[in-house]
Amino acid sequence: MTQATTHQQERRQARPRQVAEYLGVSIATVWRWASERHDFPRSRKIGPRVTVWDLNEIDQWVDAQQSNQR
């Protein structure tokens, strides 16, 4: 297994603020997309007040969005 493959399989999680910064949008937009867009990756609650997204899934979603625009 190569280092690149290992990195791709590594679970990268981000809180809402980090996801917003990663995507270049507001936190409100992240929450709106999560509730209104069926294709947006699902969040996971890992604690009573902690919600995260998998950044690998976010990357796949961004790639799909870019493919759809072509």
Protein backbone atom coordinates (compact mmCIF):
# COMPACT_ATOMS: atom_id res chain seq x y z
CA MET A 1 0.00 0.00 0.00
CA THR A 2 1.45 3.35 -0.98
CA GLN A 3 1.52 6.45 1.17
CA ALA A 4 -0.96 8.18 -1.18
CA THR A 5 -3.41 5.29 -0.81
CA THR A 6 -3.01 5.35 2.96
CA HIS A 7 -3.69 9.10 3.01
CA GLN A 8 -6.84 8.73 0.88
CA GLN A 9 -8.23 6.08 3.20
CA GLU A 10 -7.45 8.09 6.32
CA ARG A 11 -10.62 9.43 7.90
CA ARG A 12 -10.47 13.21 7.97
CA GLN A 13 -13.24 14.84 9.98
CA ALA A 14 -14.14 18.49 10.26
CA ARG A 15 -16.51 20.52 12.38
CA PRO A 16 -19.01 22.88 10.69
CA ARG A 17 -16.70 25.91 10.85
CA GLN A 18 -13.85 23.94 9.30
CA VAL A 19 -16.13 22.61 6.54
CA ALA A 20 -17.30 26.16 5.79
CA GLU A 21 -13.70 27.41 5.56
CA TYR A 22 -12.70 24.40 3.47
CA LEU A 23 -15.51 25.09 0.98
CA GLY A 24 -15.21 28.88 1.12
CA VAL A 25 -18.80 29.41 2.28
CA SER A 26 -20.51 30.51 5.48
CA ILE A 27 -21.43 28.13 8.29
CA ALA A 28 -25.10 28.91 7.59
CA THR A 29 -24.61 27.71 4.01
CA VAL A 30 -23.11 24.42 5.21
CA TRP A 31 -26.13 23.82 7.46
CA ARG A 32 -28.56 24.85 4.70
CA TRP A 33 -26.93 22.50 2.21
CA ALA A 34 -27.00 19.72 4.81
CA SER A 35 -30.74 20.15 5.31
CA GLU A 36 -31.84 20.97 1.74
CA ARG A 37 -29.50 19.18 -0.65
CA HIS A 38 -29.93 15.43 -0.95
CA ASP A 39 -26.49 15.10 -2.56
CA PHE A 40 -24.54 16.89 0.19
CA PRO A 41 -22.59 14.50 2.45
CA ARG A 42 -24.31 13.57 5.68
CA SER A 43 -22.96 14.83 8.95
CA ARG A 44 -22.30 12.59 11.92
CA LYS A 45 -22.92 13.38 15.55
CA ILE A 46 -20.00 12.15 17.61
CA GLY A 47 -21.18 13.72 20.84
CA PRO A 48 -24.16 15.59 22.28
CA ARG A 49 -22.90 18.90 20.89
CA VAL A 50 -20.37 17.76 18.30
CA THR A 51 -21.20 17.28 14.62
CA VAL A 52 -18.60 16.44 11.99
CA TRP A 53 -18.36 15.77 8.28
CA ASP A 54 -15.95 13.39 6.59
CA LEU A 55 -13.68 15.56 4.41
CA ASN A 56 -13.10 12.65 2.03
CA GLU A 57 -16.85 12.68 1.32
CA ILE A 58 -16.77 16.48 0.96
CA ASP A 59 -13.94 16.14 -1.59
CA GLN A 60 -15.98 13.59 -3.57
CA TRP A 61 -19.01 15.88 -3.48
CA VAL A 62 -16.94 18.86 -4.72
CA ASP A 63 -15.51 16.72 -7.54
CA ALA A 64 -19.05 15.66 -8.54
CA GLN A 65 -20.21 19.29 -8.53
CA GLN A 66 -17.34 20.29 -10.79
CA SER A 67 -18.02 17.36 -13.14
CA ASN A 68 -21.67 18.38 -13.42
CA GLN A 69 -20.72 21.92 -14.44
CA ARG A 70 -18.74 20.73 -17.47
